[in-house]
């Protein structure tokens, strides 16, 4: 929320507060969890749904096979 004021005032942007489109904020609700920035926001990192989200992503993310197989 401080982004516009920081830009107009010529202040350095707070990079940790900018969205990096990890898509966890929408993946959570699609799996019945709360929406939040799990990778960057400490509140959501420690939220009980964070582990559930990691599990949801792990079971739905395709794994790339090794070239040697």
C-alpha atoms as a PDB file:
ATOM      1  CA  UNK A   1       0.000   0.000   0.000  1.00  0.00           C
ATOM      2  CA  UNK A   2       2.980   2.349   0.415  1.00  0.00           C
ATOM      3  CA  UNK A   3       4.106   1.865  -3.200  1.00  0.00           C
ATOM      4  CA  UNK A   4       2.433   4.966  -4.747  1.00  0.00           C
ATOM      5  CA  UNK A   5       3.586   7.254  -1.926  1.00  0.00           C
ATOM      6  CA  UNK A   6       7.144   5.892  -2.120  1.00  0.00           C
ATOM      7  CA  UNK A   7       7.288   6.417  -5.904  1.00  0.00           C
ATOM      8  CA  UNK A   8       5.902   9.951  -5.714  1.00  0.00           C
ATOM      9  CA  UNK A   9       8.271  10.866  -2.890  1.00  0.00           C
ATOM     10  CA  UNK A  10      11.282   9.389  -4.713  1.00  0.00           C
ATOM     11  CA  UNK A  11      11.947   6.885  -1.938  1.00  0.00           C
ATOM     12  CA  UNK A  12      13.610   3.534  -2.521  1.00  0.00           C
ATOM     13  CA  UNK A  13      11.071   0.813  -3.195  1.00  0.00           C
ATOM     14  CA  UNK A  14      10.662  -1.900  -0.591  1.00  0.00           C
ATOM     15  CA  UNK A  15      11.288  -4.868  -2.868  1.00  0.00           C
ATOM     16  CA  UNK A  16      10.123  -7.426  -0.313  1.00  0.00           C
ATOM     17  CA  UNK A  17       6.686  -5.809  -0.410  1.00  0.00           C
ATOM     18  CA  UNK A  18       6.226  -6.055  -4.185  1.00  0.00           C
ATOM     19  CA  UNK A  19       4.238  -8.937  -5.632  1.00  0.00           C
ATOM     20  CA  UNK A  20       6.434 -11.434  -7.454  1.00  0.00           C
ATOM     21  CA  UNK A  21       3.530 -13.502  -8.833  1.00  0.00           C
ATOM     22  CA  UNK A  22       4.318 -16.778  -7.089  1.00  0.00           C
ATOM     23  CA  UNK A  23       0.552 -17.432  -7.403  1.00  0.00           C
ATOM     24  CA  UNK A  24       0.282 -18.888  -3.898  1.00  0.00           C
ATOM     25  CA  UNK A  25      -2.256 -16.158  -3.060  1.00  0.00           C
ATOM     26  CA  UNK A  26      -4.660 -17.769  -5.544  1.00  0.00           C
ATOM     27  CA  UNK A  27      -3.524 -21.391  -5.204  1.00  0.00           C
ATOM     28  CA  UNK A  28      -4.518 -21.312  -1.539  1.00  0.00           C
ATOM     29  CA  UNK A  29      -8.172 -20.356  -2.079  1.00  0.00           C
ATOM     30  CA  UNK A  30      -8.494 -22.822  -4.974  1.00  0.00           C
ATOM     31  CA  UNK A  31      -7.645 -25.497  -2.416  1.00  0.00           C
ATOM     32  CA  UNK A  32      -9.933 -24.182   0.326  1.00  0.00           C
ATOM     33  CA  UNK A  33      -7.214 -22.225   2.160  1.00  0.00           C
ATOM     34  CA  UNK A  34      -6.911 -18.537   3.024  1.00  0.00           C
ATOM     35  CA  UNK A  35      -5.479 -16.146   0.443  1.00  0.00           C
ATOM     36  CA  UNK A  36      -2.140 -14.590   1.307  1.00  0.00           C
ATOM     37  CA  UNK A  37       1.445 -14.122   0.218  1.00  0.00           C
ATOM     38  CA  UNK A  38       2.917 -17.272   1.735  1.00  0.00           C
ATOM     39  CA  UNK A  39       6.438 -16.839   0.271  1.00  0.00           C
ATOM     40  CA  UNK A  40       7.006 -13.217   1.352  1.00  0.00           C
ATOM     41  CA  UNK A  41       4.702 -12.364   4.279  1.00  0.00           C
ATOM     42  CA  UNK A  42       5.846 -13.722   7.654  1.00  0.00           C
ATOM     43  CA  UNK A  43       2.233 -13.898   8.877  1.00  0.00           C
ATOM     44  CA  UNK A  44       1.298 -16.321   6.105  1.00  0.00           C
ATOM     45  CA  UNK A  45       4.642 -18.177   6.241  1.00  0.00           C
ATOM     46  CA  UNK A  46       3.804 -19.195   9.814  1.00  0.00           C
ATOM     47  CA  UNK A  47       0.058 -19.663   9.182  1.00  0.00           C
ATOM     48  CA  UNK A  48      -1.267 -23.219   9.647  1.00  0.00           C
ATOM     49  CA  UNK A  49      -2.394 -23.202   6.001  1.00  0.00           C
ATOM     50  CA  UNK A  50       1.205 -22.708   4.785  1.00  0.00           C
ATOM     51  CA  UNK A  51       2.053 -26.387   5.287  1.00  0.00           C
ATOM     52  CA  UNK A  52      -1.244 -27.426   3.689  1.00  0.00           C
ATOM     53  CA  UNK A  53      -0.434 -25.238   0.674  1.00  0.00           C
ATOM     54  CA  UNK A  54       3.035 -26.798   0.335  1.00  0.00           C
ATOM     55  CA  UNK A  55       1.405 -30.224   0.389  1.00  0.00           C
ATOM     56  CA  UNK A  56      -1.195 -29.219  -2.244  1.00  0.00           C
ATOM     57  CA  UNK A  57       1.523 -27.877  -4.513  1.00  0.00           C
ATOM     58  CA  UNK A  58       3.728 -30.945  -4.026  1.00  0.00           C
ATOM     59  CA  UNK A  59       1.035 -33.401  -5.073  1.00  0.00           C
ATOM     60  CA  UNK A  60      -0.038 -31.371  -8.113  1.00  0.00           C
ATOM     61  CA  UNK A  61       3.359 -30.272  -9.446  1.00  0.00           C
ATOM     62  CA  UNK A  62       4.612 -32.589 -12.195  1.00  0.00           C
ATOM     63  CA  UNK A  63       8.144 -33.832 -11.694  1.00  0.00           C
ATOM     64  CA  UNK A  64      10.634 -33.763 -14.565  1.00  0.00           C
ATOM     65  CA  UNK A  65      12.224 -37.120 -15.255  1.00  0.00           C
ATOM     66  CA  UNK A  66      15.967 -37.406 -15.322  1.00  0.00           C
ATOM     67  CA  UNK A  67      17.568 -37.729 -18.779  1.00  0.00           C
ATOM     68  CA  UNK A  68      19.394 -40.877 -17.639  1.00  0.00           C
ATOM     69  CA  UNK A  69      16.189 -42.856 -17.026  1.00  0.00           C
END
